[in-house]
Amino acid sequence: MPHIFVSTLFRLENGPCIVGDSKSDPDLMRYLGAEAKQEKGQLFTIWETKLLPRVVLDLLELKGYKLVSTSGVGQTFVITMHKPPVNRDETNEDQVKRITAGF
């Protein structure tokens, strides 16, 4: 998974942070101390961690992720991180199949 989308509410800048969705790598989510959650009325699952956003970014950097952008959307602080694919021999078609598997 080359991209990570991290978000938290401005009023909750001390956490919790949303760090993944239902297709996120479970090992990476455990590394971030995240738990899968589904709120009442939601049709999707998110991964949420109690870690501070700064700690999440530090941990992701240790795993090879780099900051792409930050933004404020309403009352939400959004961070996008990227990690280059490890398997450079994989074709674009293979990468698309792997990324979209299960959709």
Protein backbone atom coordinates (compact mmCIF):
# COMPACT_ATOMS: atom_id res chain seq x y z
CA MET A 1 0.00 0.00 0.00
CA PRO A 2 1.90 3.05 -1.20
CA HIS A 3 -0.40 5.79 0.19
CA ILE A 4 -1.63 6.55 3.70
CA PHE A 5 -4.28 9.11 4.52
CA VAL A 6 -4.11 10.31 8.15
CA SER A 7 -6.74 12.63 9.59
CA THR A 8 -7.83 14.08 12.90
CA LEU A 9 -10.20 16.83 13.98
CA PHE A 10 -8.57 20.17 14.83
CA ARG A 11 -10.19 20.10 18.24
CA LEU A 12 -8.69 16.61 18.73
CA GLU A 13 -5.14 17.32 17.54
CA ASN A 14 -3.97 15.15 20.43
CA GLY A 15 -5.75 12.15 18.86
CA PRO A 16 -7.38 9.94 17.97
CA CYS A 17 -6.24 9.71 14.34
CA ILE A 18 -7.86 7.85 11.49
CA VAL A 19 -5.04 6.01 9.72
CA GLY A 20 -6.71 3.51 7.40
CA ASP A 21 -9.75 2.01 5.76
CA SER A 22 -11.07 -1.51 5.28
CA LYS A 23 -8.42 -2.26 2.62
CA SER A 24 -5.45 -1.09 4.72
CA ASP A 25 -2.56 -3.40 5.59
CA PRO A 26 -3.51 -4.94 8.97
CA ASP A 27 0.16 -5.36 9.98
CA LEU A 28 0.84 -1.66 9.38
CA MET A 29 -2.34 -0.75 11.27
CA ARG A 30 -1.21 -2.85 14.28
CA TYR A 31 2.22 -1.16 14.08
CA LEU A 32 0.38 2.17 14.45
CA GLY A 33 -1.62 0.82 17.39
CA ALA A 34 -4.85 1.16 15.40
CA GLU A 35 -8.11 -0.68 15.90
CA ALA A 36 -10.75 -1.33 13.25
CA LYS A 37 -13.98 0.55 14.00
CA GLN A 38 -17.35 0.94 12.37
CA GLU A 39 -19.65 3.62 13.74
CA LYS A 40 -23.41 3.11 13.78
CA GLY A 41 -24.88 4.06 10.43
CA GLN A 42 -21.53 3.85 8.61
CA LEU A 43 -21.24 1.40 5.76
CA PHE A 44 -17.44 1.32 6.01
CA THR A 45 -14.71 0.42 8.47
CA ILE A 46 -11.88 2.72 9.54
CA TRP A 47 -8.67 2.12 11.48
CA GLU A 48 -8.22 4.50 14.39
CA THR A 49 -5.24 5.01 16.72
CA LYS A 50 -4.98 6.96 19.96
CA LEU A 51 -1.48 8.15 19.02
CA LEU A 52 -0.75 11.82 18.41
CA PRO A 53 -0.57 12.80 14.72
CA ARG A 54 3.14 13.65 15.15
CA VAL A 55 3.85 10.18 16.54
CA VAL A 56 1.95 8.56 13.66
CA LEU A 57 4.05 10.55 11.16
CA ASP A 58 7.28 9.61 12.96
CA LEU A 59 6.35 5.91 12.91
CA LEU A 60 5.40 6.03 9.23
CA GLU A 61 8.69 7.74 8.38
CA LEU A 62 10.53 4.84 10.05
CA LYS A 63 8.64 2.54 7.67
CA GLY A 64 9.78 4.56 4.61
CA TYR A 65 6.77 6.84 4.12
CA LYS A 66 7.31 10.47 3.09
CA LEU A 67 4.99 13.43 3.58
CA VAL A 68 3.16 14.40 0.38
CA SER A 69 0.75 17.08 1.61
CA THR A 70 -1.24 18.49 4.49
CA SER A 71 -4.52 20.31 4.39
CA GLY A 72 -7.43 21.47 6.46
CA VAL A 73 -10.86 20.29 5.36
CA GLY A 74 -13.54 21.90 7.50
CA GLN A 75 -12.59 20.98 11.07
CA THR A 76 -10.38 18.10 9.90
CA PHE A 77 -6.59 18.07 9.51
CA VAL A 78 -5.55 15.78 6.65
CA ILE A 79 -2.08 14.35 5.97
CA THR A 80 -1.13 12.30 2.90
CA MET A 81 1.94 10.05 3.03
CA HIS A 82 3.52 7.95 0.27
CA LYS A 83 5.95 5.04 0.18
CA PRO A 84 7.46 4.03 -3.17
CA PRO A 85 6.62 0.45 -4.18
CA VAL A 86 9.26 -2.07 -3.13
CA ASN A 87 8.75 -4.43 -6.06
CA ARG A 88 9.97 -2.41 -9.05
CA ASP A 89 9.73 -5.53 -11.30
CA GLU A 90 5.94 -5.55 -10.99
CA THR A 91 4.18 -4.20 -14.09
CA ASN A 92 1.69 -1.34 -13.85
CA GLU A 93 -1.08 -3.81 -14.67
CA ASP A 94 0.02 -6.08 -11.80
CA GLN A 95 0.13 -3.09 -9.43
CA VAL A 96 -3.40 -2.04 -10.44
CA LYS A 97 -4.70 -5.58 -9.86
CA ARG A 98 -3.04 -5.75 -6.42
CA ILE A 99 -4.25 -2.31 -5.34
CA THR A 100 -7.84 -2.80 -6.54
CA ALA A 101 -8.23 -6.41 -5.36
CA GLY A 102 -11.50 -6.79 -3.51
CA PHE A 103 -13.23 -3.74 -4.98
